[in-house]
PDB file of N, CA and C in Angstrom:
ATOM      1  N   MET A   1      -8.875  -2.567 -32.265  1.00  0.00           N
ATOM      2  CA  MET A   1      -7.966  -2.224 -33.466  1.00  0.00           C
ATOM      3  C   MET A   1      -8.253  -1.010 -33.969  1.00  0.00           C
ATOM      4  N   SER A   2      -7.389  -0.062 -34.252  1.00  0.00           N
ATOM      5  CA  SER A   2      -7.818   1.188 -34.882  1.00  0.00           C
ATOM      6  C   SER A   2      -8.334   0.946 -36.361  1.00  0.00           C
ATOM      7  N   ALA A   3      -9.090   2.115 -36.748  1.00  0.00           N
ATOM      8  CA  ALA A   3      -9.627   1.964 -38.217  1.00  0.00           C
ATOM      9  C   ALA A   3      -8.442   1.856 -39.393  1.00  0.00           C
ATOM     10  N   THR A   4      -7.372   2.582 -39.034  1.00  0.00           N
ATOM     11  CA  THR A   4      -6.248   2.402 -40.022  1.00  0.00           C
ATOM     12  C   THR A   4      -5.767   1.020 -40.077  1.00  0.00           C
ATOM     13  N   VAL A   5      -5.740   0.206 -38.881  1.00  0.00           N
ATOM     14  CA  VAL A   5      -5.068  -1.060 -38.905  1.00  0.00           C
ATOM     15  C   VAL A   5      -6.293  -1.770 -39.730  1.00  0.00           C
ATOM     16  N   GLU A   6      -7.377  -1.655 -39.380  1.00  0.00           N
ATOM     17  CA  GLU A   6      -8.514  -2.452 -40.017  1.00  0.00           C
ATOM     18  C   GLU A   6      -8.580  -2.366 -41.534  1.00  0.00           C
ATOM     19  N   LYS A   7      -8.165  -1.009 -41.842  1.00  0.00           N
ATOM     20  CA  LYS A   7      -8.322  -0.773 -43.405  1.00  0.00           C
ATOM     21  C   LYS A   7      -7.108  -1.436 -43.945  1.00  0.00           C
ATOM     22  N   ILE A   8      -5.926  -1.367 -43.239  1.00  0.00           N
ATOM     23  CA  ILE A   8      -4.702  -2.167 -43.838  1.00  0.00           C
ATOM     24  C   ILE A   8      -4.883  -3.655 -43.981  1.00  0.00           C
ATOM     25  N   LEU A   9      -5.511  -4.083 -42.811  1.00  0.00           N
ATOM     26  CA  LEU A   9      -5.653  -5.559 -42.793  1.00  0.00           C
ATOM     27  C   LEU A   9      -6.645  -5.932 -43.864  1.00  0.00           C
ATOM     28  N   LYS A  10      -7.643  -5.222 -44.283  1.00  0.00           N
ATOM     29  CA  LYS A  10      -8.602  -5.546 -45.375  1.00  0.00           C
ATOM     30  C   LYS A  10      -7.736  -5.517 -46.377  1.00  0.00           C
ATOM     31  N   GLU A  11      -6.919  -4.507 -46.767  1.00  0.00           N
ATOM     32  CA  GLU A  11      -6.206  -4.473 -48.099  1.00  0.00           C
ATOM     33  C   GLU A  11      -5.122  -5.659 -48.202  1.00  0.00           C
ATOM     34  N   VAL A  12      -4.433  -6.125 -47.053  1.00  0.00           N
ATOM     35  CA  VAL A  12      -3.626  -6.874 -47.096  1.00  0.00           C
ATOM     36  C   VAL A  12      -4.332  -8.314 -47.555  1.00  0.00           C
ATOM     37  N   LYS A  13      -5.430  -8.614 -46.967  1.00  0.00           N
ATOM     38  CA  LYS A  13      -6.177  -9.619 -47.406  1.00  0.00           C
ATOM     39  C   LYS A  13      -6.522  -9.961 -48.813  1.00  0.00           C
ATOM     40  N   SER A  14      -6.584  -8.708 -49.366  1.00  0.00           N
ATOM     41  CA  SER A  14      -6.867  -8.746 -50.722  1.00  0.00           C
ATOM     42  C   SER A  14      -5.730  -9.034 -51.677  1.00  0.00           C
ATOM     43  N   LEU A  15      -4.510  -9.104 -51.166  1.00  0.00           N
ATOM     44  CA  LEU A  15      -3.306  -9.382 -52.094  1.00  0.00           C
ATOM     45  C   LEU A  15      -3.220 -10.721 -52.502  1.00  0.00           C
ATOM     46  N   SER A  16      -2.496 -11.091 -53.548  1.00  0.00           N
ATOM     47  CA  SER A  16      -2.268 -12.401 -53.962  1.00  0.00           C
ATOM     48  C   SER A  16      -1.123 -12.886 -53.003  1.00  0.00           C
ATOM     49  N   SER A  17      -0.994 -14.225 -53.044  1.00  0.00           N
ATOM     50  CA  SER A  17       0.006 -14.720 -52.401  1.00  0.00           C
ATOM     51  C   SER A  17       1.435 -14.222 -52.518  1.00  0.00           C
ATOM     52  N   ARG A  18       1.863 -14.031 -53.710  1.00  0.00           N
ATOM     53  CA  ARG A  18       2.979 -13.503 -54.106  1.00  0.00           C
ATOM     54  C   ARG A  18       3.160 -12.054 -53.558  1.00  0.00           C
ATOM     55  N   GLU A  19       2.081 -11.079 -53.606  1.00  0.00           N
ATOM     56  CA  GLU A  19       2.116  -9.903 -53.223  1.00  0.00           C
ATOM     57  C   GLU A  19       2.243  -9.832 -51.698  1.00  0.00           C
ATOM     58  N   ARG A  20       1.605 -10.824 -50.935  1.00  0.00           N
ATOM     59  CA  ARG A  20       1.527 -10.849 -49.430  1.00  0.00           C
ATOM     60  C   ARG A  20       2.891 -11.151 -48.977  1.00  0.00           C
ATOM     61  N   GLU A  21       3.561 -12.257 -49.811  1.00  0.00           N
ATOM     62  CA  GLU A  21       5.012 -12.617 -49.376  1.00  0.00           C
ATOM     63  C   GLU A  21       5.985 -11.450 -49.550  1.00  0.00           C
ATOM     64  N   GLU A  22       5.733 -10.738 -50.646  1.00  0.00           N
ATOM     65  CA  GLU A  22       6.600  -9.546 -50.842  1.00  0.00           C
ATOM     66  C   GLU A  22       6.367  -8.591 -49.842  1.00  0.00           C
ATOM     67  N   LEU A  23       5.234  -8.383 -49.467  1.00  0.00           N
ATOM     68  CA  LEU A  23       4.969  -7.341 -48.209  1.00  0.00           C
ATOM     69  C   LEU A  23       5.595  -7.691 -46.965  1.00  0.00           C
ATOM     70  N   TRP A  24       5.497  -9.177 -46.727  1.00  0.00           N
ATOM     71  CA  TRP A  24       6.133  -9.575 -45.422  1.00  0.00           C
ATOM     72  C   TRP A  24       7.636  -9.468 -45.466  1.00  0.00           C
ATOM     73  N   ASP A  25       8.263  -9.612 -46.688  1.00  0.00           N
ATOM     74  CA  ASP A  25       9.654  -9.516 -46.760  1.00  0.00           C
ATOM     75  C   ASP A  25       9.902  -8.077 -46.464  1.00  0.00           C
ATOM     76  N   ARG A  26       9.185  -7.246 -46.956  1.00  0.00           N
ATOM     77  CA  ARG A  26       9.580  -5.787 -46.853  1.00  0.00           C
ATOM     78  C   ARG A  26       9.319  -5.332 -45.400  1.00  0.00           C
ATOM     79  N   VAL A  27       8.178  -5.778 -44.796  1.00  0.00           N
ATOM     80  CA  VAL A  27       8.023  -5.463 -43.348  1.00  0.00           C
ATOM     81  C   VAL A  27       9.166  -6.125 -42.560  1.00  0.00           C
ATOM     82  N   ALA A  28       9.534  -7.442 -42.706  1.00  0.00           N
ATOM     83  CA  ALA A  28      10.721  -7.944 -42.074  1.00  0.00           C
ATOM     84  C   ALA A  28      11.970  -7.176 -42.138  1.00  0.00           C
ATOM     85  N   ALA A  29      12.215  -6.666 -43.420  1.00  0.00           N
ATOM     86  CA  ALA A  29      13.341  -5.873 -43.545  1.00  0.00           C
ATOM     87  C   ALA A  29      13.374  -4.420 -42.865  1.00  0.00           C
ATOM     88  N   GLU A  30      12.190  -3.910 -42.601  1.00  0.00           N
ATOM     89  CA  GLU A  30      12.012  -2.645 -42.082  1.00  0.00           C
ATOM     90  C   GLU A  30      12.219  -3.102 -40.568  1.00  0.00           C
ATOM     91  N   GLU A  31      11.673  -4.057 -40.012  1.00  0.00           N
ATOM     92  CA  GLU A  31      11.950  -4.636 -38.647  1.00  0.00           C
ATOM     93  C   GLU A  31      13.183  -4.755 -38.306  1.00  0.00           C
ATOM     94  N   ALA A  32      13.982  -5.421 -39.071  1.00  0.00           N
ATOM     95  CA  ALA A  32      15.281  -5.539 -39.003  1.00  0.00           C
ATOM     96  C   ALA A  32      16.242  -4.456 -38.684  1.00  0.00           C
ATOM     97  N   ASN A  33      15.909  -3.507 -39.691  1.00  0.00           N
ATOM     98  CA  ASN A  33      16.466  -2.075 -39.772  1.00  0.00           C
ATOM     99  C   ASN A  33      16.062  -1.451 -38.291  1.00  0.00           C
ATOM    100  N   ASN A  34      14.988  -1.423 -37.724  1.00  0.00           N
ATOM    101  CA  ASN A  34      14.564  -0.919 -36.545  1.00  0.00           C
ATOM    102  C   ASN A  34      15.543  -1.684 -35.360  1.00  0.00           C
ATOM    103  N   LEU A  35      15.656  -3.050 -35.607  1.00  0.00           N
ATOM    104  CA  LEU A  35      16.363  -3.610 -34.588  1.00  0.00           C
ATOM    105  C   LEU A  35      17.788  -3.221 -34.602  1.00  0.00           C
ATOM    106  N   ASP A  36      18.446  -3.070 -35.839  1.00  0.00           N
ATOM    107  CA  ASP A  36      19.753  -2.493 -35.974  1.00  0.00           C
ATOM    108  C   ASP A  36      19.942  -1.215 -35.119  1.00  0.00           C
ATOM    109  N   GLU A  37      18.940  -0.243 -35.384  1.00  0.00           N
ATOM    110  CA  GLU A  37      19.013   1.003 -34.596  1.00  0.00           C
ATOM    111  C   GLU A  37      18.965   0.766 -33.234  1.00  0.00           C
ATOM    112  N   TRP A  38      18.000  -0.007 -32.709  1.00  0.00           N
ATOM    113  CA  TRP A  38      17.756  -0.297 -31.443  1.00  0.00           C
ATOM    114  C   TRP A  38      19.109  -0.786 -30.857  1.00  0.00           C
ATOM    115  N   GLU A  39      19.709  -1.585 -31.372  1.00  0.00           N
ATOM    116  CA  GLU A  39      21.011  -2.186 -30.795  1.00  0.00           C
ATOM    117  C   GLU A  39      22.120  -1.109 -30.759  1.00  0.00           C
ATOM    118  N   LYS A  40      22.062  -0.073 -31.807  1.00  0.00           N
ATOM    119  CA  LYS A  40      22.988   0.942 -31.819  1.00  0.00           C
ATOM    120  C   LYS A  40      22.794   1.998 -30.691  1.00  0.00           C
ATOM    121  N   GLN A  41      21.483   1.992 -30.311  1.00  0.00           N
ATOM    122  CA  GLN A  41      21.180   2.967 -29.512  1.00  0.00           C
ATOM    123  C   GLN A  41      21.479   2.186 -28.055  1.00  0.00           C
ATOM    124  N   ILE A  42      21.336   0.946 -27.782  1.00  0.00           N
ATOM    125  CA  ILE A  42      21.873   0.283 -26.696  1.00  0.00           C
ATOM    126  C   ILE A  42      23.321   0.600 -26.407  1.00  0.00           C
ATOM    127  N   GLU A  43      24.074   0.382 -27.607  1.00  0.00           N
ATOM    128  CA  GLU A  43      25.445   0.358 -27.564  1.00  0.00           C
ATOM    129  C   GLU A  43      25.931   1.900 -26.999  1.00  0.00           C
ATOM    130  N   ARG A  44      25.260   2.906 -27.894  1.00  0.00           N
ATOM    131  CA  ARG A  44      25.654   4.226 -27.461  1.00  0.00           C
ATOM    132  C   ARG A  44      25.250   4.601 -25.751  1.00  0.00           C
ATOM    133  N   ASP A  45      24.137   4.064 -25.426  1.00  0.00           N
ATOM    134  CA  ASP A  45      23.604   4.225 -23.995  1.00  0.00           C
ATOM    135  C   ASP A  45      24.825   3.485 -23.035  1.00  0.00           C
ATOM    136  N   SER A  46      25.147   2.393 -23.453  1.00  0.00           N
ATOM    137  CA  SER A  46      25.944   1.589 -22.633  1.00  0.00           C
ATOM    138  C   SER A  46      27.493   2.412 -22.602  1.00  0.00           C
ATOM    139  N   ASN A  47      28.054   2.616 -23.760  1.00  0.00           N
ATOM    140  CA  ASN A  47      29.106   3.547 -23.767  1.00  0.00           C
ATOM    141  C   ASN A  47      29.092   4.866 -23.021  1.00  0.00           C
ATOM    142  N   ALA A  48      27.795   5.305 -22.889  1.00  0.00           N
ATOM    143  CA  ALA A  48      27.545   6.453 -22.100  1.00  0.00           C
ATOM    144  C   ALA A  48      27.511   6.338 -20.662  1.00  0.00           C
ATOM    145  N   GLY A  49      27.459   5.124 -20.192  1.00  0.00           N
ATOM    146  CA  GLY A  49      27.406   4.698 -18.829  1.00  0.00           C
ATOM    147  C   GLY A  49      25.864   4.788 -18.392  1.00  0.00           C
ATOM    148  N   LYS A  50      24.956   4.807 -19.389  1.00  0.00           N
ATOM    149  CA  LYS A  50      23.427   4.985 -18.974  1.00  0.00           C
ATOM    150  C   LYS A  50      23.069   3.605 -18.442  1.00  0.00           C
ATOM    151  N   LEU A  51      23.740   2.458 -18.772  1.00  0.00           N
ATOM    152  CA  LEU A  51      23.271   1.179 -18.396  1.00  0.00           C
ATOM    153  C   LEU A  51      23.949   0.688 -17.080  1.00  0.00           C
ATOM    154  N   ASP A  52      24.835   1.255 -16.602  1.00  0.00           N
ATOM    155  CA  ASP A  52      25.821   1.036 -15.407  1.00  0.00           C
ATOM    156  C   ASP A  52      24.806   0.560 -14.259  1.00  0.00           C
ATOM    157  N   HIS A  53      23.763   1.187 -14.049  1.00  0.00           N
ATOM    158  CA  HIS A  53      22.929   0.849 -12.775  1.00  0.00           C
ATOM    159  C   HIS A  53      22.341  -0.525 -13.032  1.00  0.00           C
ATOM    160  N   LEU A  54      22.073  -0.980 -14.306  1.00  0.00           N
ATOM    161  CA  LEU A  54      21.707  -2.490 -14.466  1.00  0.00           C
ATOM    162  C   LEU A  54      22.584  -3.367 -14.249  1.00  0.00           C
ATOM    163  N   LEU A  55      24.012  -3.039 -14.665  1.00  0.00           N
ATOM    164  CA  LEU A  55      25.005  -3.926 -14.324  1.00  0.00           C
ATOM    165  C   LEU A  55      25.314  -3.985 -13.020  1.00  0.00           C
ATOM    166  N   ALA A  56      25.117  -2.910 -12.096  1.00  0.00           N
ATOM    167  CA  ALA A  56      25.270  -2.818 -10.758  1.00  0.00           C
ATOM    168  C   ALA A  56      24.222  -3.748 -10.058  1.00  0.00           C
ATOM    169  N   GLU A  57      22.981  -3.698 -10.619  1.00  0.00           N
ATOM    170  CA  GLU A  57      22.023  -4.558  -9.956  1.00  0.00           C
ATOM    171  C   GLU A  57      22.185  -6.020 -10.263  1.00  0.00           C
ATOM    172  N   LEU A  58      22.690  -6.345 -11.535  1.00  0.00           N
ATOM    173  CA  LEU A  58      23.013  -7.668 -11.763  1.00  0.00           C
ATOM    174  C   LEU A  58      23.984  -8.241 -10.850  1.00  0.00           C
ATOM    175  N   LYS A  59      25.080  -7.472 -10.616  1.00  0.00           N
ATOM    176  CA  LYS A  59      26.148  -7.950  -9.759  1.00  0.00           C
ATOM    177  C   LYS A  59      25.718  -8.101  -8.341  1.00  0.00           C
ATOM    178  N   ASP A  60      24.726  -7.175  -7.942  1.00  0.00           N
ATOM    179  CA  ASP A  60      24.216  -7.375  -6.536  1.00  0.00           C
ATOM    180  C   ASP A  60      23.290  -8.770  -6.507  1.00  0.00           C
ATOM    181  N   ASP A  61      22.651  -9.060  -7.574  1.00  0.00           N
ATOM    182  CA  ASP A  61      21.875 -10.240  -7.525  1.00  0.00           C
ATOM    183  C   ASP A  61      22.621 -11.432  -7.635  1.00  0.00           C
ATOM    184  N   ILE A  62      23.945 -11.328  -8.368  1.00  0.00           N
ATOM    185  CA  ILE A  62      24.660 -12.489  -8.287  1.00  0.00           C
ATOM    186  C   ILE A  62      25.252 -12.845  -6.887  1.00  0.00           C
ATOM    187  N   LYS A  63      25.697 -11.873  -6.337  1.00  0.00           N
ATOM    188  CA  LYS A  63      26.194 -11.790  -4.947  1.00  0.00           C
ATOM    189  C   LYS A  63      25.285 -12.385  -3.952  1.00  0.00           C
ATOM    190  N   ALA A  64      23.930 -12.043  -4.091  1.00  0.00           N
ATOM    191  CA  ALA A  64      22.932 -12.246  -3.166  1.00  0.00           C
ATOM    192  C   ALA A  64      22.334 -13.812  -3.587  1.00  0.00           C
ATOM    193  N   GLY A  65      22.978 -14.434  -4.617  1.00  0.00           N
ATOM    194  CA  GLY A  65      22.473 -15.794  -5.002  1.00  0.00           C
ATOM    195  C   GLY A  65      21.150 -15.775  -5.648  1.00  0.00           C
ATOM    196  N   ARG A  66      20.785 -14.880  -6.220  1.00  0.00           N
ATOM    197  CA  ARG A  66      19.298 -14.698  -6.998  1.00  0.00           C
ATOM    198  C   ARG A  66      19.542 -15.186  -8.575  1.00  0.00           C
ATOM    199  N   VAL A  67      20.731 -15.437  -8.916  1.00  0.00           N
ATOM    200  CA  VAL A  67      21.022 -15.686 -10.333  1.00  0.00           C
ATOM    201  C   VAL A  67      21.439 -17.176 -10.367  1.00  0.00           C
ATOM    202  N   LYS A  68      20.834 -17.991 -11.323  1.00  0.00           N
ATOM    203  CA  LYS A  68      21.385 -19.354 -11.577  1.00  0.00           C
ATOM    204  C   LYS A  68      22.058 -19.297 -12.866  1.00  0.00           C
ATOM    205  N   PRO A  69      22.952 -20.307 -12.844  1.00  0.00           N
ATOM    206  CA  PRO A  69      23.757 -20.377 -14.243  1.00  0.00           C
ATOM    207  C   PRO A  69      22.719 -20.817 -15.381  1.00  0.00           C
ATOM    208  N   LEU A  70      23.015 -20.264 -16.573  1.00  0.00           N
ATOM    209  CA  LEU A  70      22.091 -20.374 -17.721  1.00  0.00           C
ATOM    210  C   LEU A  70      22.116 -21.935 -18.016  1.00  0.00           C
ATOM    211  N   ASP A  71      23.099 -22.878 -18.126  1.00  0.00           N
ATOM    212  CA  ASP A  71      22.954 -24.235 -18.274  1.00  0.00           C
ATOM    213  C   ASP A  71      22.083 -25.013 -17.163  1.00  0.00           C
ATOM    214  N   GLU A  72      22.017 -24.490 -16.027  1.00  0.00           N
ATOM    215  CA  GLU A  72      21.328 -25.011 -14.959  1.00  0.00           C
ATOM    216  C   GLU A  72      19.673 -24.742 -15.205  1.00  0.00           C
ATOM    217  N   VAL A  73      19.382 -23.590 -15.638  1.00  0.00           N
ATOM    218  CA  VAL A  73      18.075 -23.182 -15.926  1.00  0.00           C
ATOM    219  C   VAL A  73      17.612 -24.151 -17.107  1.00  0.00           C
ATOM    220  N   ILE A  74      18.387 -23.992 -18.297  1.00  0.00           N
ATOM    221  CA  ILE A  74      18.082 -24.681 -19.559  1.00  0.00           C
ATOM    222  C   ILE A  74      17.787 -26.359 -19.185  1.00  0.00           C
ATOM    223  N   ASN A  75      18.411 -26.895 -18.245  1.00  0.00           N
ATOM    224  CA  ASN A  75      18.245 -28.351 -17.955  1.00  0.00           C
ATOM    225  C   ASN A  75      17.147 -28.410 -17.020  1.00  0.00           C
ATOM    226  N   GLU A  76      16.454 -27.630 -16.622  1.00  0.00           N
ATOM    227  CA  GLU A  76      15.348 -27.651 -15.784  1.00  0.00           C
ATOM    228  C   GLU A  76      14.138 -26.997 -16.547  1.00  0.00           C
ATOM    229  N   PRO A  77      13.540 -27.955 -17.377  1.00  0.00           N
ATOM    230  CA  PRO A  77      12.408 -27.502 -18.187  1.00  0.00           C
ATOM    231  C   PRO A  77      11.294 -26.776 -17.425  1.00  0.00           C
ATOM    232  N   GLN A  78      10.926 -27.380 -16.337  1.00  0.00           N
ATOM    233  CA  GLN A  78       9.880 -26.865 -15.429  1.00  0.00           C
ATOM    234  C   GLN A  78      10.077 -25.388 -15.063  1.00  0.00           C
ATOM    235  N   SER A  79      11.391 -24.994 -14.997  1.00  0.00           N
ATOM    236  CA  SER A  79      11.662 -23.504 -14.538  1.00  0.00           C
ATOM    237  C   SER A  79      11.301 -22.483 -15.716  1.00  0.00           C
ATOM    238  N   LEU A  80      11.044 -23.208 -16.857  1.00  0.00           N
ATOM    239  CA  LEU A  80      10.789 -22.233 -18.175  1.00  0.00           C
ATOM    240  C   LEU A  80       9.276 -22.062 -18.404  1.00  0.00           C
ATOM    241  N   THR A  81       8.497 -22.858 -17.615  1.00  0.00           N
ATOM    242  CA  THR A  81       7.116 -22.879 -18.023  1.00  0.00           C
ATOM    243  C   THR A  81       6.567 -21.450 -18.076  1.00  0.00           C
ATOM    244  N   HIS A  82       6.965 -20.398 -17.187  1.00  0.00           N
ATOM    245  CA  HIS A  82       6.347 -19.191 -17.185  1.00  0.00           C
ATOM    246  C   HIS A  82       6.849 -18.316 -18.354  1.00  0.00           C
ATOM    247  N   LEU A  83       7.623 -18.849 -19.164  1.00  0.00           N
ATOM    248  CA  LEU A  83       8.182 -18.037 -20.184  1.00  0.00           C
ATOM    249  C   LEU A  83       7.436 -18.547 -21.420  1.00  0.00           C
ATOM    250  N   THR A  84       7.053 -17.400 -22.285  1.00  0.00           N
ATOM    251  CA  THR A  84       6.452 -17.624 -23.631  1.00  0.00           C
ATOM    252  C   THR A  84       7.264 -16.929 -24.631  1.00  0.00           C
ATOM    253  N   ALA A  85       7.501 -17.371 -25.810  1.00  0.00           N
ATOM    254  CA  ALA A  85       8.213 -16.904 -26.861  1.00  0.00           C
ATOM    255  C   ALA A  85       7.325 -16.003 -27.682  1.00  0.00           C
ATOM    256  N   PRO A  86       7.579 -14.917 -27.934  1.00  0.00           N
ATOM    257  CA  PRO A  86       6.940 -13.879 -28.762  1.00  0.00           C
ATOM    258  C   PRO A  86       6.774 -14.461 -30.046  1.00  0.00           C
ATOM    259  N   LEU A  87       5.666 -14.322 -30.638  1.00  0.00           N
ATOM    260  CA  LEU A  87       5.341 -14.634 -32.179  1.00  0.00           C
ATOM    261  C   LEU A  87       6.197 -13.648 -33.117  1.00  0.00           C
ATOM    262  N   SER A  88       6.893 -14.379 -34.025  1.00  0.00           N
ATOM    263  CA  SER A  88       7.502 -13.680 -35.175  1.00  0.00           C
ATOM    264  C   SER A  88       6.580 -12.821 -35.793  1.00  0.00           C
ATOM    265  N   CYS A  89       6.929 -11.838 -36.687  1.00  0.00           N
ATOM    266  CA  CYS A  89       6.124 -10.774 -37.374  1.00  0.00           C
ATOM    267  C   CYS A  89       5.244 -11.708 -38.397  1.00  0.00           C
ATOM    268  N   SER A  90       5.994 -12.448 -38.971  1.00  0.00           N
ATOM    269  CA  SER A  90       5.151 -13.424 -40.132  1.00  0.00           C
ATOM    270  C   SER A  90       4.271 -14.262 -39.420  1.00  0.00           C
ATOM    271  N   ARG A  91       4.700 -14.889 -38.329  1.00  0.00           N
ATOM    272  CA  ARG A  91       3.751 -15.834 -37.604  1.00  0.00           C
ATOM    273  C   ARG A  91       2.408 -14.992 -37.162  1.00  0.00           C
ATOM    274  N   GLN A  92       2.483 -13.661 -36.546  1.00  0.00           N
ATOM    275  CA  GLN A  92       1.471 -12.804 -36.261  1.00  0.00           C
ATOM    276  C   GLN A  92       0.593 -12.615 -37.393  1.00  0.00           C
ATOM    277  N   SER A  93       1.330 -12.294 -38.461  1.00  0.00           N
ATOM    278  CA  SER A  93       0.634 -11.910 -39.753  1.00  0.00           C
ATOM    279  C   SER A  93      -0.397 -13.010 -40.367  1.00  0.00           C
ATOM    280  N   ALA A  94       0.306 -14.108 -40.072  1.00  0.00           N
ATOM    281  CA  ALA A  94      -0.401 -15.418 -40.629  1.00  0.00           C
ATOM    282  C   ALA A  94      -1.576 -15.690 -39.777  1.00  0.00           C
ATOM    283  N   LEU A  95      -1.458 -15.308 -38.564  1.00  0.00           N
ATOM    284  CA  LEU A  95      -2.769 -15.587 -37.681  1.00  0.00           C
ATOM    285  C   LEU A  95      -3.667 -14.470 -37.946  1.00  0.00           C
ATOM    286  N   LEU A  96      -3.226 -13.359 -38.198  1.00  0.00           N
ATOM    287  CA  LEU A  96      -4.343 -12.142 -38.504  1.00  0.00           C
ATOM    288  C   LEU A  96      -5.032 -12.562 -39.645  1.00  0.00           C
ATOM    289  N   LEU A  97      -4.434 -13.120 -40.691  1.00  0.00           N
ATOM    290  CA  LEU A  97      -5.099 -13.383 -42.078  1.00  0.00           C
ATOM    291  C   LEU A  97      -5.903 -14.541 -42.120  1.00  0.00           C
ATOM    292  N   LYS A  98      -6.108 -15.374 -41.059  1.00  0.00           N
ATOM    293  CA  LYS A  98      -6.852 -16.483 -41.016  1.00  0.00           C
ATOM    294  C   LYS A  98      -8.240 -16.220 -40.920  1.00  0.00           C
TER     295      LYS A  98
END
């Protein structure tokens, strides 16, 4: 962890519960804004044809039988064991502060 992050973490630990909640709300809002920008960039790239190669690859995978219907995958829990859900920002923060 960088010295800057260490310093920030130390400061965050010194905040009151109310201040910490306010900080996480602000961080979450910033992250939501970043996500909105990311989604807009994806839309621009898609409209510009920059993602066409991914669509072509997907179509090839479907034709080759390398893709399962989503409901089939969902109904086979053992097929999902290799997947892990990323922690939310607030959950990561809670773990850091313990």
